[in-house]
């Protein structure tokens, strides 16, 4: 197994070093598809949503970098994965902020910690980012500041790549009196990136804010599609609060409250999305589900490979769905999430090699994908193109 990992690392490094950097991001260009989207930057290597992580993602081949956006108390948009900044910053090590730890309801679920909306931008800038996953490098914790949206845009413009911002929990922010949409559009306007040809996609799990954005900006919009979990048989679980977009839950509309995220992947759902957005960002199992190789006595996924652990290596891929084809038939782009290199996150079919997963999704026709390891996504895309060229020559 170690030999396979070393081979992959060497191949990825060689390809990234030998091949040109990402093309200029352009809304009308198809040459660089499928797009490599640096998920929270190069978050497999560095603390997520930092300028260092975004810059590394660009060096490793990302065409777009993804800032998740939350608001500070004084209305500045900063790049954090969630309003709760407890696990993504070193705030717990700042005694001057100890009294701000509290409980809050985010999309119907109670959380405890420190929340970005309780801090001014100046205070946020005294914090430093940390790696959120224990099996990833921790040596860079405390090294990097929390960037603003304007700083992320500046990095992207300098490197001539695009940005793929997500409005995080827009209903939550709206209720705080800190709406995200207008400030995001204003920042894009200042950057000269507020039309359909700009190298920008805006994504959201909620629907109403995308519809509002469709009225106030010309940039391309993407409806994200989530679920709570994947059942042992490969079907999706829609347990609250990840059962539906939160704006549906609080809408008071019985029609919306009767839906789950599953509606979005029906023909009627795709038709609806095409009326206000340009693409979908589905969780990977909507395109290629996986199921348990073996079940335990209680009907859960069992340890099928005898390593003493239960994870994705104990699952196998099933037949792909027709979601990509049906979305394309409606003119919608398809950008699934999230691709990661750790072997425990790879179904058994991929034999411990993340390249095999990327190739499978590229073969299924996705228009781009979100990766924590953009170098692997980039190298896999080159292999995919080589594969396609060889097939056309045969």
Protein backbone atom coordinates (compact mmCIF):
# COMPACT_ATOMS: atom_id res chain seq x y z
CA UNK A 1 0.00 0.00 0.00
CA UNK A 2 2.83 2.43 0.88
CA UNK A 3 4.42 1.78 -2.52
CA UNK A 4 1.16 2.78 -4.20
CA UNK A 5 0.99 6.01 -2.20
CA UNK A 6 4.58 6.92 -3.08
CA UNK A 7 3.88 6.24 -6.75
CA UNK A 8 0.86 8.51 -6.70
CA UNK A 9 2.76 11.29 -4.92
CA UNK A 10 5.58 11.11 -7.45
CA UNK A 11 3.23 11.07 -10.41
CA UNK A 12 1.24 14.04 -9.14
CA UNK A 13 4.36 16.07 -8.42
CA UNK A 14 5.82 15.34 -11.85
CA UNK A 15 2.66 16.23 -13.71
CA UNK A 16 2.07 19.44 -11.80
CA UNK A 17 5.68 20.53 -12.30
CA UNK A 18 5.73 19.70 -16.00
CA UNK A 19 2.42 21.15 -17.09
CA UNK A 20 1.31 24.77 -17.45
CA UNK A 21 -0.48 26.61 -14.69
CA UNK A 22 -4.27 27.03 -14.82
CA UNK A 23 -5.68 28.87 -17.80
CA UNK A 24 -7.18 32.31 -17.32
CA UNK A 25 -10.60 31.74 -15.78
CA UNK A 26 -13.21 32.87 -18.27
CA UNK A 27 -16.93 32.25 -18.25
CA UNK A 28 -17.01 31.36 -21.96
CA UNK A 29 -14.00 29.04 -22.12
CA UNK A 30 -14.36 25.28 -22.27
CA UNK A 31 -10.71 24.39 -22.78
CA UNK A 32 -10.06 23.91 -19.07
CA UNK A 33 -13.06 21.72 -18.31
CA UNK A 34 -13.63 19.84 -16.16
CA UNK A 35 -12.74 22.62 -13.74
CA UNK A 36 -10.52 22.00 -10.72
CA UNK A 37 -12.00 23.89 -7.78
CA UNK A 38 -9.73 24.29 -4.75
CA UNK A 39 -12.07 23.37 -1.90
CA UNK A 40 -11.39 25.93 0.83
CA UNK A 41 -8.08 26.39 -0.97
CA UNK A 42 -5.68 23.48 -0.71
CA UNK A 43 -7.24 22.39 2.57
CA UNK A 44 -5.70 18.93 2.43
CA UNK A 45 -2.33 20.54 3.11
CA UNK A 46 -2.88 23.85 4.92
CA UNK A 47 -5.49 25.32 7.28
CA UNK A 48 -8.57 26.01 5.22
CA UNK A 49 -9.70 29.42 4.02
CA UNK A 50 -6.36 31.17 4.39
CA UNK A 51 -4.50 33.16 1.76
CA UNK A 52 -1.68 30.62 1.98
CA UNK A 53 -4.14 27.81 1.28
CA UNK A 54 -5.64 29.65 -1.69
CA UNK A 55 -2.22 30.48 -3.12
CA UNK A 56 -1.11 26.88 -2.77
CA UNK A 57 -4.28 25.67 -4.49
CA UNK A 58 -3.49 27.92 -7.43
CA UNK A 59 0.09 26.66 -7.62
CA UNK A 60 -1.24 23.10 -7.59
CA UNK A 61 -3.54 23.67 -10.56
CA UNK A 62 -6.86 25.03 -9.30
CA UNK A 63 -8.88 26.98 -11.84
CA UNK A 64 -11.12 28.38 -9.09
CA UNK A 65 -10.65 28.89 -5.36
CA UNK A 66 -13.55 28.59 -2.95
CA UNK A 67 -14.12 31.05 -0.09
CA UNK A 68 -17.02 30.20 2.23
CA UNK A 69 -18.40 33.51 3.45
CA UNK A 70 -19.68 34.54 6.87
CA UNK A 71 -20.20 38.01 8.32
CA UNK A 72 -18.45 39.81 11.15
CA UNK A 73 -20.32 41.95 13.66
CA UNK A 74 -19.51 45.06 11.67
CA UNK A 75 -20.67 43.61 8.36
CA UNK A 76 -17.43 42.46 6.71
CA UNK A 77 -17.39 39.20 4.75
CA UNK A 78 -14.62 36.84 5.84
CA UNK A 79 -13.68 33.36 4.68
CA UNK A 80 -14.70 30.76 7.27
CA UNK A 81 -16.47 27.45 6.78
CA UNK A 82 -19.11 28.19 9.42
CA UNK A 83 -20.33 31.08 11.57
CA UNK A 84 -19.02 29.05 14.52
CA UNK A 85 -15.26 29.65 14.42
CA UNK A 86 -14.35 27.41 17.38
CA UNK A 87 -12.69 24.62 15.41
CA UNK A 88 -11.27 26.66 12.54
CA UNK A 89 -9.40 29.31 14.56
CA UNK A 90 -7.36 29.59 17.74
CA UNK A 91 -10.04 31.70 19.44
CA UNK A 92 -10.15 29.36 22.45
CA UNK A 93 -6.55 30.39 23.19
CA UNK A 94 -7.46 34.07 23.46
CA UNK A 95 -8.44 34.83 27.08
CA UNK A 96 -9.69 38.26 26.05
CA UNK A 97 -12.52 36.54 24.16
CA UNK A 98 -13.37 33.85 26.73
CA UNK A 99 -16.60 35.61 27.76
CA UNK A 100 -17.93 35.48 24.22
CA UNK A 101 -18.32 31.73 24.20
CA UNK A 102 -22.04 31.03 24.03
CA UNK A 103 -24.76 28.86 22.59
CA UNK A 104 -26.56 29.75 19.38
CA UNK A 105 -29.10 28.17 17.06
CA UNK A 106 -27.75 27.73 13.53
CA UNK A 107 -30.27 26.39 11.04
CA UNK A 108 -32.36 24.86 13.79
CA UNK A 109 -29.49 23.11 15.60
CA UNK A 110 -27.94 24.32 18.86
CA UNK A 111 -24.20 24.94 18.79
CA UNK A 112 -21.79 26.14 21.43
CA UNK A 113 -18.65 28.14 20.77
CA UNK A 114 -17.52 31.46 19.40
CA UNK A 115 -19.36 33.02 16.45
CA UNK A 116 -17.97 35.36 13.81
CA UNK A 117 -20.94 37.71 14.15
CA UNK A 118 -19.85 38.53 17.72
CA UNK A 119 -16.48 39.89 16.53
CA UNK A 120 -15.48 42.98 14.61
CA UNK A 121 -13.16 42.55 11.66
CA UNK A 122 -10.31 44.04 13.70
CA UNK A 123 -10.87 41.38 16.35
CA UNK A 124 -11.12 38.60 13.78
CA UNK A 125 -7.76 39.70 12.42
CA UNK A 126 -6.14 38.93 15.79
CA UNK A 127 -7.09 35.24 15.39
CA UNK A 128 -5.21 32.62 13.42
CA UNK A 129 -6.47 29.63 11.44
CA UNK A 130 -6.01 26.00 12.47
CA UNK A 131 -6.32 22.68 10.65
CA UNK A 132 -9.70 21.15 11.40
CA UNK A 133 -8.88 17.52 10.58
CA UNK A 134 -6.62 15.65 12.99
CA UNK A 135 -5.13 13.41 10.29
CA UNK A 136 -3.83 16.37 8.31
CA UNK A 137 -0.70 18.46 8.98
CA UNK A 138 -0.99 20.48 12.20
CA UNK A 139 2.37 22.23 11.95
CA UNK A 140 0.87 25.31 10.29
CA UNK A 141 -1.69 25.99 13.01
CA UNK A 142 -1.57 29.57 14.22
CA UNK A 143 0.45 30.80 11.26
CA UNK A 144 -2.17 32.44 9.04
CA UNK A 145 -4.76 35.18 9.47
CA UNK A 146 -8.44 35.03 8.53
CA UNK A 147 -8.87 36.68 5.11
CA UNK A 148 -11.60 39.00 3.93
CA UNK A 149 -13.44 38.43 0.66
CA UNK A 150 -11.61 41.42 -0.83
CA UNK A 151 -8.25 39.82 0.00
CA UNK A 152 -9.29 36.53 -1.59
CA UNK A 153 -10.43 38.34 -4.74
CA UNK A 154 -7.06 40.13 -4.90
CA UNK A 155 -5.21 36.80 -4.77
CA UNK A 156 -7.41 35.35 -7.52
CA UNK A 157 -7.08 38.39 -9.77
CA UNK A 158 -3.29 38.44 -9.38
CA UNK A 159 -3.09 34.76 -10.32
CA UNK A 160 -5.74 35.08 -13.05
CA UNK A 161 -8.01 32.39 -11.66
CA UNK A 162 -11.63 32.50 -10.59
CA UNK A 163 -13.46 32.48 -7.27
CA UNK A 164 -16.34 30.24 -6.21
CA UNK A 165 -17.81 31.84 -3.06
CA UNK A 166 -20.48 30.16 -0.97
CA UNK A 167 -23.00 32.16 1.02
CA UNK A 168 -23.01 30.26 4.32
CA UNK A 169 -26.30 30.02 6.20
CA UNK A 170 -27.93 33.02 4.50
CA UNK A 171 -31.18 32.77 6.51
CA UNK A 172 -29.19 32.75 9.75
CA UNK A 173 -27.28 35.86 8.69
CA UNK A 174 -30.45 37.56 7.45
CA UNK A 175 -32.04 37.12 10.88
CA UNK A 176 -28.96 38.66 12.52
CA UNK A 177 -29.38 41.73 10.33
CA UNK A 178 -26.19 40.82 8.49
CA UNK A 179 -27.39 39.73 5.03
CA UNK A 180 -24.67 38.38 2.78
CA UNK A 181 -25.96 38.89 -0.73
CA UNK A 182 -25.69 42.65 -1.16
CA UNK A 183 -22.17 42.82 0.29
CA UNK A 184 -21.02 39.96 -1.93
CA UNK A 185 -22.39 41.58 -5.06
CA UNK A 186 -20.89 44.95 -4.07
CA UNK A 187 -17.46 43.33 -3.66
CA UNK A 188 -17.76 41.70 -7.08
CA UNK A 189 -18.82 45.01 -8.58
CA UNK A 190 -15.74 46.72 -7.14
CA UNK A 191 -13.60 43.98 -8.66
CA UNK A 192 -15.23 44.34 -12.07
CA UNK A 193 -16.57 40.80 -11.75
CA UNK A 194 -20.32 41.25 -11.72
CA UNK A 195 -21.45 39.83 -15.06
CA UNK A 196 -21.95 36.45 -16.64
CA UNK A 197 -18.51 36.43 -18.24
CA UNK A 198 -16.73 37.01 -14.92
CA UNK A 199 -14.67 34.13 -13.50
CA UNK A 200 -17.15 33.70 -10.66
CA UNK A 201 -19.67 31.14 -9.49
CA UNK A 202 -21.78 31.80 -6.38
CA UNK A 203 -23.07 28.71 -4.59
CA UNK A 204 -25.55 28.09 -1.81
CA UNK A 205 -27.45 25.25 -0.17
CA UNK A 206 -30.43 27.57 0.22
CA UNK A 207 -32.71 28.47 -2.65
CA UNK A 208 -34.29 31.82 -1.82
CA UNK A 209 -30.97 33.65 -1.60
CA UNK A 210 -29.91 32.25 -4.99
CA UNK A 211 -33.18 33.54 -6.43
CA UNK A 212 -32.43 36.94 -4.92
CA UNK A 213 -28.88 36.86 -6.30
CA UNK A 214 -30.32 36.00 -9.72
CA UNK A 215 -32.16 39.33 -9.59
CA UNK A 216 -29.18 41.47 -8.52
CA UNK A 217 -26.16 39.96 -10.28
CA UNK A 218 -25.31 38.47 -13.63
CA UNK A 219 -22.67 36.02 -12.36
CA UNK A 220 -23.31 32.31 -12.59
CA UNK A 221 -25.13 30.63 -9.72
CA UNK A 222 -24.97 27.05 -8.46
CA UNK A 223 -27.51 25.22 -6.32
CA UNK A 224 -25.80 22.95 -3.83
CA UNK A 225 -27.51 19.65 -3.00
CA UNK A 226 -26.86 17.98 0.34
CA UNK A 227 -28.09 15.10 2.50
CA UNK A 228 -27.46 13.97 6.06
CA UNK A 229 -25.77 10.65 5.35
CA UNK A 230 -25.48 7.68 3.03
CA UNK A 231 -27.34 4.55 4.06
CA UNK A 232 -25.69 1.11 3.91
CA UNK A 233 -27.65 0.27 0.77
CA UNK A 234 -26.49 3.41 -1.04
CA UNK A 235 -29.68 5.42 -0.63
CA UNK A 236 -29.47 8.87 0.89
CA UNK A 237 -30.60 9.74 4.40
CA UNK A 238 -32.47 13.00 4.93
CA UNK A 239 -32.44 13.43 8.70
CA UNK A 240 -32.84 17.01 9.98
CA UNK A 241 -31.22 19.49 9.97
CA UNK A 242 -29.66 18.30 6.69
CA UNK A 243 -32.97 17.23 5.22
CA UNK A 244 -33.72 20.32 3.16
CA UNK A 245 -32.55 23.90 2.56
CA UNK A 246 -33.14 25.79 5.79
CA UNK A 247 -35.08 28.54 4.05
CA UNK A 248 -37.65 25.89 3.12
CA UNK A 249 -37.88 24.74 6.74
CA UNK A 250 -38.71 28.24 8.03
CA UNK A 251 -40.76 29.31 5.00
CA UNK A 252 -44.14 28.35 6.43
CA UNK A 253 -44.97 26.93 3.00
CA UNK A 254 -46.32 23.36 3.34
CA UNK A 255 -45.17 22.59 -0.21
CA UNK A 256 -41.56 23.47 0.57
CA UNK A 257 -41.63 21.85 4.01
CA UNK A 258 -42.79 18.61 2.39
CA UNK A 259 -39.68 18.50 0.20
CA UNK A 260 -36.18 17.29 0.97
CA UNK A 261 -32.98 17.89 -0.95
CA UNK A 262 -34.05 14.86 -3.01
CA UNK A 263 -36.49 17.11 -4.86
CA UNK A 264 -33.61 18.94 -6.51
CA UNK A 265 -32.48 15.83 -8.40
CA UNK A 266 -35.93 15.06 -9.83
CA UNK A 267 -36.78 16.34 -13.29
CA UNK A 268 -39.15 18.88 -11.75
CA UNK A 269 -36.41 20.00 -9.36
CA UNK A 270 -33.85 20.41 -12.12
CA UNK A 271 -36.38 22.36 -14.17
CA UNK A 272 -36.91 24.66 -11.20
CA UNK A 273 -33.19 25.15 -10.64
CA UNK A 274 -32.67 26.02 -14.30
CA UNK A 275 -35.01 28.99 -13.85
CA UNK A 276 -32.64 30.79 -11.47
CA UNK A 277 -29.24 29.05 -11.56
CA UNK A 278 -26.62 27.82 -14.01
CA UNK A 279 -25.55 24.62 -12.34
CA UNK A 280 -25.82 22.17 -9.50
CA UNK A 281 -23.26 21.15 -6.88
CA UNK A 282 -24.39 17.72 -5.69
CA UNK A 283 -22.79 15.60 -2.99
CA UNK A 284 -20.91 12.81 -4.79
CA UNK A 285 -23.34 9.96 -3.95
CA UNK A 286 -26.05 11.64 -6.00
CA UNK A 287 -23.93 10.76 -9.04
CA UNK A 288 -22.13 7.60 -7.95
CA UNK A 289 -23.56 5.99 -4.80
CA UNK A 290 -21.70 3.46 -2.69
CA UNK A 291 -23.08 0.62 -0.58
CA UNK A 292 -21.80 -1.63 2.20
CA UNK A 293 -19.82 -4.64 1.08
CA UNK A 294 -20.97 -6.46 4.22
CA UNK A 295 -23.56 -5.66 6.87
CA UNK A 296 -23.17 -6.03 10.60
CA UNK A 297 -25.78 -7.80 12.72
CA UNK A 298 -27.55 -4.50 13.35
CA UNK A 299 -27.75 -3.68 9.63
CA UNK A 300 -24.92 -1.14 9.56
CA UNK A 301 -21.78 -1.09 7.43
CA UNK A 302 -19.40 -3.79 8.67
CA UNK A 303 -15.62 -4.01 8.62
CA UNK A 304 -15.25 -5.97 5.39
CA UNK A 305 -11.47 -5.73 4.94
CA UNK A 306 -10.45 -6.73 8.44
CA UNK A 307 -8.54 -3.56 9.32
CA UNK A 308 -10.55 -3.04 12.50
CA UNK A 309 -12.14 0.15 11.17
CA UNK A 310 -15.41 0.98 9.45
CA UNK A 311 -15.11 3.65 6.79
CA UNK A 312 -15.51 4.17 3.04
CA UNK A 313 -13.06 1.37 2.25
CA UNK A 314 -15.82 -0.97 3.45
CA UNK A 315 -18.15 0.26 0.71
CA UNK A 316 -18.33 -0.47 -3.01
CA UNK A 317 -19.56 1.74 -5.84
CA UNK A 318 -22.95 1.04 -7.39
CA UNK A 319 -24.13 1.87 -10.89
CA UNK A 320 -24.01 5.62 -11.59
CA UNK A 321 -27.23 7.59 -11.69
CA UNK A 322 -28.34 9.59 -14.71
CA UNK A 323 -28.17 12.92 -12.85
CA UNK A 324 -25.34 14.33 -14.99
CA UNK A 325 -27.18 13.58 -18.22
CA UNK A 326 -30.48 15.00 -16.99
CA UNK A 327 -28.81 18.17 -15.67
CA UNK A 328 -26.95 18.67 -18.94
CA UNK A 329 -30.19 18.24 -20.87
CA UNK A 330 -31.45 21.34 -19.03
CA UNK A 331 -28.27 23.34 -19.65
CA UNK A 332 -27.05 22.95 -16.08
CA UNK A 333 -23.39 22.49 -15.16
CA UNK A 334 -22.53 19.75 -12.65
CA UNK A 335 -19.81 20.35 -10.02
CA UNK A 336 -19.86 17.59 -7.34
CA UNK A 337 -18.13 17.73 -3.94
CA UNK A 338 -15.85 16.85 -2.08
CA UNK A 339 -12.87 14.83 -3.35
CA UNK A 340 -10.21 13.85 -0.84
CA UNK A 341 -7.07 11.72 -0.92
CA UNK A 342 -7.17 9.90 2.40
CA UNK A 343 -7.60 6.20 1.80
CA UNK A 344 -10.28 5.86 4.46
CA UNK A 345 -12.45 8.14 2.32
CA UNK A 346 -12.14 6.01 -0.84
CA UNK A 347 -14.52 3.20 -1.78
CA UNK A 348 -12.91 -0.21 -2.17
CA UNK A 349 -13.18 -0.06 -5.98
CA UNK A 350 -10.56 2.70 -6.07
CA UNK A 351 -7.92 0.42 -4.52
CA UNK A 352 -6.58 3.15 -2.28
CA UNK A 353 -5.73 5.43 -5.21
CA UNK A 354 -7.70 8.72 -5.37
CA UNK A 355 -6.83 9.13 -9.06
CA UNK A 356 -9.21 6.27 -9.82
CA UNK A 357 -12.10 8.16 -8.22
CA UNK A 358 -11.37 11.36 -10.13
CA UNK A 359 -11.12 9.46 -13.40
CA UNK A 360 -14.48 7.80 -12.76
CA UNK A 361 -16.25 11.11 -12.23
CA UNK A 362 -14.48 12.76 -15.17
CA UNK A 363 -15.63 9.83 -17.31
CA UNK A 364 -19.20 10.40 -16.12
CA UNK A 365 -19.08 13.89 -17.62
CA UNK A 366 -18.93 16.25 -14.67
CA UNK A 367 -18.04 19.84 -15.57
CA UNK A 368 -15.80 20.37 -12.57
CA UNK A 369 -15.32 19.21 -9.00
CA UNK A 370 -14.33 20.41 -5.55
CA UNK A 371 -11.10 18.96 -4.19
CA UNK A 372 -9.11 19.37 -0.98
CA UNK A 373 -6.09 18.22 -3.01
CA UNK A 374 -6.16 20.22 -6.26
CA UNK A 375 -2.84 18.77 -7.42
CA UNK A 376 -4.39 15.29 -7.55
CA UNK A 377 -7.47 16.64 -9.30
CA UNK A 378 -5.24 18.45 -11.81
CA UNK A 379 -3.03 15.43 -12.50
CA UNK A 380 -6.07 13.18 -12.83
CA UNK A 381 -7.57 15.56 -15.35
CA UNK A 382 -4.41 15.38 -17.42
CA UNK A 383 -4.60 11.58 -17.32
CA UNK A 384 -8.26 11.78 -18.32
CA UNK A 385 -7.40 13.96 -21.32
CA UNK A 386 -4.61 11.56 -22.30
CA UNK A 387 -7.07 8.72 -22.01
CA UNK A 388 -9.59 10.54 -24.18
CA UNK A 389 -6.95 11.38 -26.79
CA UNK A 390 -5.80 7.78 -26.94
CA UNK A 391 -9.37 6.59 -27.39
CA UNK A 392 -9.95 9.02 -30.27
CA UNK A 393 -6.79 7.86 -32.02
CA UNK A 394 -7.60 4.16 -31.80
